[in-house]
Amino acid sequence: MAISAMANAHRGGTDQPMSAATIPCNCSQGTAMKFRNGLDSLLRPEDSVLVLIDHQPFQLTNLNSHDPQAVVNNTTGLAKAAKAFGVPTILTSVIADRGGLIFKHVTDVFPGQEVIDRTLINTWEDNKVVDAVKATGRKQLIIAGLWTEVCVAMPAIQAAGEGWDVTVVTDASGGLSVESHEVAIQRMIRAGVNMMTWTAVASEWQRDWARLETAGAVTQIMIDHLAGSGIAYMWEQQLLNTPVPAEETAGV
């Protein structure tokens, strides 16, 4: 059923407008489909806090929803973007003695920063992590981690239920299978969690290329981690800086 038709059916077939914020659905279960829209819904670096969860060797070895190299690359790009925009970033692992240390690609972005090691599977039940997030005074909570269906879904759903504005970065996360990753995304969307990719997050933080204080850093991150787009940018710079041969301009 189309959203407009569904909305009309749920308001009794009348033509009265319904709030864009929430359209009830599956009413027997009391759930709702939440819309995220308007300028204020976009991510802002001054309101964002990033939590990177369990990007560890144990989890990576059975990552089957994505190319593992892509997840490492995307997580590193996201971490660098957060640093460039001054977004506080909390690093957390689970039983690192057995599961391994957070990827060096990520910890190198934040040299010397403590990694909060947990025993709790659900990060949002770990008071040390939650207190670190609350201490930032920010409400746009951005989460990425391994695996999507476990260590991302649980804290995202709980935090959303507690009133946090939660975004999950899907391509800096990953699951045991394509199915488990996608089902987890569906579950979180139904809980009111926003879904984005790392490039979209960085672009939303930048918002305007006239913001020169971060534009250079964003461009370098693009070169380092955005594959074809980074290569295309460098090619563009090459063309712009290549003089036109004299014989091609002689007849102009």
C-alpha atoms as a PDB file:
ATOM      1  CA  MET A   1       0.000   0.000   0.000  1.00  0.00           C
ATOM      2  CA  ALA A   2       1.330   3.453  -0.856  1.00  0.00           C
ATOM      3  CA  ILE A   3       2.204   5.634   2.124  1.00  0.00           C
ATOM      4  CA  SER A   4      -0.420   8.225   1.214  1.00  0.00           C
ATOM      5  CA  ALA A   5      -3.113   5.567   0.914  1.00  0.00           C
ATOM      6  CA  MET A   6      -1.972   3.886   4.134  1.00  0.00           C
ATOM      7  CA  ALA A   7      -2.088   7.184   5.961  1.00  0.00           C
ATOM      8  CA  ASN A   8      -5.589   7.872   4.621  1.00  0.00           C
ATOM      9  CA  ALA A   9      -6.777   4.437   5.678  1.00  0.00           C
ATOM     10  CA  HIS A  10      -5.435   4.900   9.201  1.00  0.00           C
ATOM     11  CA  ARG A  11      -7.216   8.212   9.623  1.00  0.00           C
ATOM     12  CA  GLY A  12     -10.533   6.669   8.703  1.00  0.00           C
ATOM     13  CA  GLY A  13     -10.610   7.551   5.006  1.00  0.00           C
ATOM     14  CA  THR A  14     -10.908  11.288   5.579  1.00  0.00           C
ATOM     15  CA  ASP A  15      -8.935  13.904   3.691  1.00  0.00           C
ATOM     16  CA  GLN A  16      -7.648  15.655   6.811  1.00  0.00           C
ATOM     17  CA  PRO A  17      -3.859  16.106   6.776  1.00  0.00           C
ATOM     18  CA  MET A  18      -1.796  13.920   9.071  1.00  0.00           C
ATOM     19  CA  SER A  19       1.375  14.944  10.861  1.00  0.00           C
ATOM     20  CA  ALA A  20       4.537  14.172   8.911  1.00  0.00           C
ATOM     21  CA  ALA A  21       6.250  13.148  12.119  1.00  0.00           C
ATOM     22  CA  THR A  22       4.500   9.845  12.684  1.00  0.00           C
ATOM     23  CA  ILE A  23       2.104   7.683  10.689  1.00  0.00           C
ATOM     24  CA  PRO A  24       0.653   4.801  12.739  1.00  0.00           C
ATOM     25  CA  CYS A  25       0.955   1.360  11.233  1.00  0.00           C
ATOM     26  CA  ASN A  26       0.466  -2.195  12.409  1.00  0.00           C
ATOM     27  CA  CYS A  27      -1.771  -0.727  15.073  1.00  0.00           C
ATOM     28  CA  SER A  28      -2.472  -4.082  16.716  1.00  0.00           C
ATOM     29  CA  GLN A  29       1.123  -4.038  17.925  1.00  0.00           C
ATOM     30  CA  GLY A  30       1.130  -0.367  18.798  1.00  0.00           C
ATOM     31  CA  THR A  31       4.109   0.392  16.553  1.00  0.00           C
ATOM     32  CA  ALA A  32       4.640   3.419  14.339  1.00  0.00           C
ATOM     33  CA  MET A  33       6.498   4.437  11.225  1.00  0.00           C
ATOM     34  CA  LYS A  34       8.443   7.595  12.019  1.00  0.00           C
ATOM     35  CA  PHE A  35       9.383  10.124   9.386  1.00  0.00           C
ATOM     36  CA  ARG A  36      12.615  12.073   9.686  1.00  0.00           C
ATOM     37  CA  ASN A  37      12.389  15.284   7.724  1.00  0.00           C
ATOM     38  CA  GLY A  38      13.000  19.024   7.810  1.00  0.00           C
ATOM     39  CA  LEU A  39      16.231  20.971   8.081  1.00  0.00           C
ATOM     40  CA  ASP A  40      16.563  20.302  11.802  1.00  0.00           C
ATOM     41  CA  SER A  41      16.647  16.559  11.144  1.00  0.00           C
ATOM     42  CA  LEU A  42      19.953  16.839   9.262  1.00  0.00           C
ATOM     43  CA  LEU A  43      23.143  16.024  11.136  1.00  0.00           C
ATOM     44  CA  ARG A  44      25.153  18.897  12.541  1.00  0.00           C
ATOM     45  CA  PRO A  45      28.737  18.432  13.743  1.00  0.00           C
ATOM     46  CA  GLU A  46      28.165  20.611  16.799  1.00  0.00           C
ATOM     47  CA  ASP A  47      25.274  18.367  17.903  1.00  0.00           C
ATOM     48  CA  SER A  48      26.759  14.985  16.950  1.00  0.00           C
ATOM     49  CA  VAL A  49      28.558  12.331  18.974  1.00  0.00           C
ATOM     50  CA  LEU A  50      29.942   9.173  17.363  1.00  0.00           C
ATOM     51  CA  VAL A  51      30.201   5.756  19.011  1.00  0.00           C
ATOM     52  CA  LEU A  52      32.263   3.113  17.204  1.00  0.00           C
ATOM     53  CA  ILE A  53      31.475  -0.336  18.558  1.00  0.00           C
ATOM     54  CA  ASP A  54      33.529  -3.536  18.368  1.00  0.00           C
ATOM     55  CA  HIS A  55      35.488  -3.010  15.155  1.00  0.00           C
ATOM     56  CA  GLN A  56      37.663  -5.954  16.187  1.00  0.00           C
ATOM     57  CA  PRO A  57      39.372  -8.909  14.480  1.00  0.00           C
ATOM     58  CA  PHE A  58      37.028 -11.557  15.892  1.00  0.00           C
ATOM     59  CA  GLN A  59      33.955  -9.847  14.477  1.00  0.00           C
ATOM     60  CA  LEU A  60      35.642  -9.110  11.156  1.00  0.00           C
ATOM     61  CA  THR A  61      36.543 -12.750  10.531  1.00  0.00           C
ATOM     62  CA  ASN A  62      32.900 -13.757  10.136  1.00  0.00           C
ATOM     63  CA  LEU A  63      31.640 -10.585   8.463  1.00  0.00           C
ATOM     64  CA  ASN A  64      29.657 -11.711   5.432  1.00  0.00           C
ATOM     65  CA  SER A  65      27.299  -8.817   4.643  1.00  0.00           C
ATOM     66  CA  HIS A  66      30.084  -6.626   3.199  1.00  0.00           C
ATOM     67  CA  ASP A  67      33.582  -6.857   1.806  1.00  0.00           C
ATOM     68  CA  PRO A  68      35.658  -6.700   5.030  1.00  0.00           C
ATOM     69  CA  GLN A  69      38.131  -4.325   3.368  1.00  0.00           C
ATOM     70  CA  ALA A  70      35.287  -1.947   2.572  1.00  0.00           C
ATOM     71  CA  VAL A  71      34.082  -1.913   6.179  1.00  0.00           C
ATOM     72  CA  VAL A  72      37.588  -1.144   7.461  1.00  0.00           C
ATOM     73  CA  ASN A  73      37.950   1.620   4.861  1.00  0.00           C
ATOM     74  CA  ASN A  74      34.508   3.093   5.538  1.00  0.00           C
ATOM     75  CA  THR A  75      34.954   3.039   9.301  1.00  0.00           C
ATOM     76  CA  THR A  76      38.311   4.760   8.971  1.00  0.00           C
ATOM     77  CA  GLY A  77      36.814   7.405   6.679  1.00  0.00           C
ATOM     78  CA  LEU A  78      34.001   7.980   9.167  1.00  0.00           C
ATOM     79  CA  ALA A  79      36.467   8.273  12.054  1.00  0.00           C
ATOM     80  CA  LYS A  80      38.592  10.788  10.132  1.00  0.00           C
ATOM     81  CA  ALA A  81      35.500  12.816   9.240  1.00  0.00           C
ATOM     82  CA  ALA A  82      34.457  12.930  12.886  1.00  0.00           C
ATOM     83  CA  LYS A  83      37.910  14.174  13.867  1.00  0.00           C
ATOM     84  CA  ALA A  84      37.916  16.789  11.102  1.00  0.00           C
ATOM     85  CA  PHE A  85      34.591  18.186  12.305  1.00  0.00           C
ATOM     86  CA  GLY A  86      35.431  18.023  15.997  1.00  0.00           C
ATOM     87  CA  VAL A  87      32.768  15.396  16.658  1.00  0.00           C
ATOM     88  CA  PRO A  88      33.484  13.584  19.946  1.00  0.00           C
ATOM     89  CA  THR A  89      34.126   9.909  19.229  1.00  0.00           C
ATOM     90  CA  ILE A  90      33.845   7.096  21.757  1.00  0.00           C
ATOM     91  CA  LEU A  91      35.718   3.894  20.936  1.00  0.00           C
ATOM     92  CA  THR A  92      34.531   0.706  22.581  1.00  0.00           C
ATOM     93  CA  SER A  93      35.388  -2.988  22.336  1.00  0.00           C
ATOM     94  CA  VAL A  94      34.036  -6.158  23.902  1.00  0.00           C
ATOM     95  CA  ILE A  95      36.449  -8.459  25.765  1.00  0.00           C
ATOM     96  CA  ALA A  96      39.423  -7.231  23.764  1.00  0.00           C
ATOM     97  CA  ASP A  97      41.756  -9.810  25.366  1.00  0.00           C
ATOM     98  CA  ARG A  98      39.962 -12.469  23.328  1.00  0.00           C
ATOM     99  CA  GLY A  99      38.299 -10.548  20.519  1.00  0.00           C
ATOM    100  CA  GLY A 100      41.300  -8.414  19.618  1.00  0.00           C
ATOM    101  CA  LEU A 101      42.053  -4.722  19.638  1.00  0.00           C
ATOM    102  CA  ILE A 102      40.085  -2.139  17.683  1.00  0.00           C
ATOM    103  CA  PHE A 103      41.445  -1.837  14.126  1.00  0.00           C
ATOM    104  CA  LYS A 104      44.689   0.147  14.098  1.00  0.00           C
ATOM    105  CA  HIS A 105      43.289   2.162  11.168  1.00  0.00           C
ATOM    106  CA  VAL A 106      40.727   3.593  13.595  1.00  0.00           C
ATOM    107  CA  THR A 107      42.812   3.983  16.748  1.00  0.00           C
ATOM    108  CA  ASP A 108      45.517   5.766  14.739  1.00  0.00           C
ATOM    109  CA  VAL A 109      42.965   8.522  14.061  1.00  0.00           C
ATOM    110  CA  PHE A 110      42.668   9.082  17.817  1.00  0.00           C
ATOM    111  CA  PRO A 111      46.162   8.390  19.176  1.00  0.00           C
ATOM    112  CA  GLY A 112      46.285   7.864  22.911  1.00  0.00           C
ATOM    113  CA  GLN A 113      42.510   7.816  23.332  1.00  0.00           C
ATOM    114  CA  GLU A 114      41.103   5.263  25.756  1.00  0.00           C
ATOM    115  CA  VAL A 115      39.131   2.405  24.256  1.00  0.00           C
ATOM    116  CA  ILE A 116      36.329   1.429  26.638  1.00  0.00           C
ATOM    117  CA  ASP A 117      36.375  -2.347  26.928  1.00  0.00           C
ATOM    118  CA  ARG A 118      33.115  -4.017  27.950  1.00  0.00           C
ATOM    119  CA  THR A 119      31.676  -7.350  28.919  1.00  0.00           C
ATOM    120  CA  LEU A 120      28.115  -6.241  28.149  1.00  0.00           C
ATOM    121  CA  ILE A 121      26.997  -7.096  24.623  1.00  0.00           C
ATOM    122  CA  ASN A 122      24.623  -4.124  24.594  1.00  0.00           C
ATOM    123  CA  THR A 123      26.841  -1.039  24.715  1.00  0.00           C
ATOM    124  CA  TRP A 124      23.965   1.110  25.960  1.00  0.00           C
ATOM    125  CA  GLU A 125      23.827  -0.940  29.172  1.00  0.00           C
ATOM    126  CA  ASP A 126      27.451  -0.058  29.908  1.00  0.00           C
ATOM    127  CA  ASN A 127      27.393   2.981  32.171  1.00  0.00           C
ATOM    128  CA  LYS A 128      30.921   4.054  31.290  1.00  0.00           C
ATOM    129  CA  VAL A 129      30.025   4.377  27.592  1.00  0.00           C
ATOM    130  CA  VAL A 130      26.680   6.040  28.248  1.00  0.00           C
ATOM    131  CA  ASP A 131      28.226   8.494  30.704  1.00  0.00           C
ATOM    132  CA  ALA A 132      30.903   9.381  28.128  1.00  0.00           C
ATOM    133  CA  VAL A 133      28.207  10.100  25.551  1.00  0.00           C
ATOM    134  CA  LYS A 134      26.111  12.151  27.993  1.00  0.00           C
ATOM    135  CA  ALA A 135      29.170  14.177  29.011  1.00  0.00           C
ATOM    136  CA  THR A 136      29.355  15.603  25.488  1.00  0.00           C
ATOM    137  CA  GLY A 137      25.976  17.289  25.954  1.00  0.00           C
ATOM    138  CA  ARG A 138      24.960  16.258  22.435  1.00  0.00           C
ATOM    139  CA  LYS A 139      21.785  14.479  21.320  1.00  0.00           C
ATOM    140  CA  GLN A 140      22.524  13.345  17.755  1.00  0.00           C
ATOM    141  CA  LEU A 141      23.920   9.903  18.522  1.00  0.00           C
ATOM    142  CA  ILE A 142      25.692   8.224  15.584  1.00  0.00           C
ATOM    143  CA  ILE A 143      26.539   4.538  15.853  1.00  0.00           C
ATOM    144  CA  ALA A 144      28.538   2.120  13.718  1.00  0.00           C
ATOM    145  CA  GLY A 145      29.826  -1.297  14.665  1.00  0.00           C
ATOM    146  CA  LEU A 146      30.098  -5.044  14.264  1.00  0.00           C
ATOM    147  CA  TRP A 147      27.789  -6.855  14.113  1.00  0.00           C
ATOM    148  CA  THR A 148      24.757  -4.905  12.932  1.00  0.00           C
ATOM    149  CA  GLU A 149      22.199  -7.370  14.244  1.00  0.00           C
ATOM    150  CA  VAL A 150      23.715  -7.546  17.728  1.00  0.00           C
ATOM    151  CA  CYS A 151      26.081  -4.830  18.911  1.00  0.00           C
ATOM    152  CA  VAL A 152      24.578  -2.089  16.759  1.00  0.00           C
ATOM    153  CA  ALA A 153      20.875  -2.923  16.953  1.00  0.00           C
ATOM    154  CA  MET A 154      20.630  -3.271  20.716  1.00  0.00           C
ATOM    155  CA  PRO A 155      22.117   0.100  21.719  1.00  0.00           C
ATOM    156  CA  ALA A 156      20.463   1.908  18.805  1.00  0.00           C
ATOM    157  CA  ILE A 157      16.995   0.632  19.706  1.00  0.00           C
ATOM    158  CA  GLN A 158      17.450   1.282  23.413  1.00  0.00           C
ATOM    159  CA  ALA A 159      18.857   4.808  22.933  1.00  0.00           C
ATOM    160  CA  ALA A 160      16.091   5.710  20.474  1.00  0.00           C
ATOM    161  CA  GLY A 161      13.541   4.587  23.037  1.00  0.00           C
ATOM    162  CA  GLU A 162      15.181   6.875  25.593  1.00  0.00           C
ATOM    163  CA  GLY A 163      14.756   9.909  23.347  1.00  0.00           C
ATOM    164  CA  TRP A 164      18.119  10.095  21.604  1.00  0.00           C
ATOM    165  CA  ASP A 165      18.233  11.088  17.933  1.00  0.00           C
ATOM    166  CA  VAL A 166      19.969   7.938  16.677  1.00  0.00           C
ATOM    167  CA  THR A 167      21.644   7.391  13.313  1.00  0.00           C
ATOM    168  CA  VAL A 168      23.312   4.124  12.292  1.00  0.00           C
ATOM    169  CA  VAL A 169      26.052   4.204   9.662  1.00  0.00           C
ATOM    170  CA  THR A 170      25.248   1.079   7.692  1.00  0.00           C
ATOM    171  CA  ASP A 171      28.397   0.740   5.580  1.00  0.00           C
ATOM    172  CA  ALA A 172      30.710   1.180   8.577  1.00  0.00           C
ATOM    173  CA  SER A 173      28.785  -1.697  10.152  1.00  0.00           C
ATOM    174  CA  GLY A 174      28.185  -5.260   9.053  1.00  0.00           C
ATOM    175  CA  GLY A 175      26.597  -8.552   9.973  1.00  0.00           C
ATOM    176  CA  LEU A 176      27.047 -12.289   9.825  1.00  0.00           C
ATOM    177  CA  SER A 177      25.076 -12.385   6.576  1.00  0.00           C
ATOM    178  CA  VAL A 178      23.369 -10.030   4.158  1.00  0.00           C
ATOM    179  CA  GLU A 179      20.069 -11.191   5.629  1.00  0.00           C
ATOM    180  CA  SER A 180      21.047 -10.527   9.235  1.00  0.00           C
ATOM    181  CA  HIS A 181      22.368  -7.052   8.368  1.00  0.00           C
ATOM    182  CA  GLU A 182      19.254  -6.097   6.394  1.00  0.00           C
ATOM    183  CA  VAL A 183      16.806  -7.525   8.935  1.00  0.00           C
ATOM    184  CA  ALA A 184      18.580  -5.568  11.667  1.00  0.00           C
ATOM    185  CA  ILE A 185      18.251  -2.381   9.605  1.00  0.00           C
ATOM    186  CA  GLN A 186      14.526  -3.011   9.142  1.00  0.00           C
ATOM    187  CA  ARG A 187      14.118  -3.620  12.858  1.00  0.00           C
ATOM    188  CA  MET A 188      15.934  -0.413  13.768  1.00  0.00           C
ATOM    189  CA  ILE A 189      13.974   1.667  11.261  1.00  0.00           C
ATOM    190  CA  ARG A 190      10.766   0.453  12.890  1.00  0.00           C
ATOM    191  CA  ALA A 191      12.211   1.641  16.192  1.00  0.00           C
ATOM    192  CA  GLY A 192      12.733   5.142  14.763  1.00  0.00           C
ATOM    193  CA  VAL A 193      16.465   4.890  14.014  1.00  0.00           C
ATOM    194  CA  ASN A 194      17.852   6.839  11.045  1.00  0.00           C
ATOM    195  CA  MET A 195      20.054   5.045   8.481  1.00  0.00           C
ATOM    196  CA  MET A 196      22.942   6.641   6.570  1.00  0.00           C
ATOM    197  CA  THR A 197      26.229   5.762   4.893  1.00  0.00           C
ATOM    198  CA  TRP A 198      29.522   7.279   5.999  1.00  0.00           C
ATOM    199  CA  THR A 199      29.821   9.553   2.968  1.00  0.00           C
ATOM    200  CA  ALA A 200      26.340  10.915   3.606  1.00  0.00           C
ATOM    201  CA  VAL A 201      27.260  11.632   7.234  1.00  0.00           C
ATOM    202  CA  ALA A 202      30.419  13.533   6.233  1.00  0.00           C
ATOM    203  CA  SER A 203      28.532  15.451   3.545  1.00  0.00           C
ATOM    204  CA  GLU A 204      25.776  16.417   5.955  1.00  0.00           C
ATOM    205  CA  TRP A 205      28.344  17.668   8.450  1.00  0.00           C
ATOM    206  CA  GLN A 206      30.039  19.735   5.731  1.00  0.00           C
ATOM    207  CA  ARG A 207      26.774  20.956   4.167  1.00  0.00           C
ATOM    208  CA  ASP A 208      28.426  23.916   2.403  1.00  0.00           C
ATOM    209  CA  TRP A 209      31.730  23.934   0.494  1.00  0.00           C
ATOM    210  CA  ALA A 210      32.146  27.555   1.599  1.00  0.00           C
ATOM    211  CA  ARG A 211      32.983  26.179   5.057  1.00  0.00           C
ATOM    212  CA  LEU A 212      36.662  26.324   4.261  1.00  0.00           C
ATOM    213  CA  GLU A 213      37.794  25.349   7.752  1.00  0.00           C
ATOM    214  CA  THR A 214      36.770  21.754   7.013  1.00  0.00           C
ATOM    215  CA  ALA A 215      36.532  21.614   3.209  1.00  0.00           C
ATOM    216  CA  GLY A 216      40.204  20.756   2.758  1.00  0.00           C
ATOM    217  CA  ALA A 217      40.089  17.931   5.289  1.00  0.00           C
ATOM    218  CA  VAL A 218      36.916  16.517   3.735  1.00  0.00           C
ATOM    219  CA  THR A 219      38.533  16.596   0.303  1.00  0.00           C
ATOM    220  CA  GLN A 220      41.572  14.688   1.581  1.00  0.00           C
ATOM    221  CA  ILE A 221      39.347  12.097   3.252  1.00  0.00           C
ATOM    222  CA  MET A 222      37.524  11.712  -0.050  1.00  0.00           C
ATOM    223  CA  ILE A 223      40.836  11.164  -1.859  1.00  0.00           C
ATOM    224  CA  ASP A 224      41.959   8.588   0.699  1.00  0.00           C
ATOM    225  CA  HIS A 225      38.726   6.649   1.233  1.00  0.00           C
ATOM    226  CA  LEU A 226      36.178   7.323  -1.504  1.00  0.00           C
ATOM    227  CA  ALA A 227      37.833   5.279  -4.238  1.00  0.00           C
ATOM    228  CA  GLY A 228      36.600   6.377  -7.689  1.00  0.00           C
ATOM    229  CA  SER A 229      35.346   9.758  -6.501  1.00  0.00           C
ATOM    230  CA  GLY A 230      38.734  10.532  -4.982  1.00  0.00           C
ATOM    231  CA  ILE A 231      40.520   9.436  -8.163  1.00  0.00           C
ATOM    232  CA  ALA A 232      38.131  11.550 -10.250  1.00  0.00           C
ATOM    233  CA  TYR A 233      38.882  14.593  -8.090  1.00  0.00           C
ATOM    234  CA  MET A 234      42.634  14.161  -8.522  1.00  0.00           C
ATOM    235  CA  TRP A 235      42.140  13.718 -12.282  1.00  0.00           C
ATOM    236  CA  GLU A 236      40.116  16.921 -12.348  1.00  0.00           C
ATOM    237  CA  GLN A 237      42.944  18.735 -10.560  1.00  0.00           C
ATOM    238  CA  GLN A 238      45.425  17.287 -13.050  1.00  0.00           C
ATOM    239  CA  LEU A 239      43.370  18.573 -16.004  1.00  0.00           C
ATOM    240  CA  LEU A 240      42.940  22.001 -14.443  1.00  0.00           C
ATOM    241  CA  ASN A 241      46.681  22.280 -13.908  1.00  0.00           C
ATOM    242  CA  THR A 242      47.765  20.947 -17.304  1.00  0.00           C
ATOM    243  CA  PRO A 243      48.623  23.710 -19.813  1.00  0.00           C
ATOM    244  CA  VAL A 244      46.986  23.409 -23.204  1.00  0.00           C
ATOM    245  CA  PRO A 245      49.691  22.641 -25.838  1.00  0.00           C
ATOM    246  CA  ALA A 246      50.572  25.657 -27.971  1.00  0.00           C
ATOM    247  CA  GLU A 247      49.595  23.939 -31.230  1.00  0.00           C
ATOM    248  CA  GLU A 248      46.058  23.483 -29.910  1.00  0.00           C
ATOM    249  CA  THR A 249      45.664  27.197 -29.205  1.00  0.00           C
ATOM    250  CA  ALA A 250      47.434  28.544 -32.312  1.00  0.00           C
ATOM    251  CA  GLY A 251      44.261  28.836 -34.341  1.00  0.00           C
ATOM    252  CA  VAL A 252      42.155  30.386 -31.588  1.00  0.00           C
END
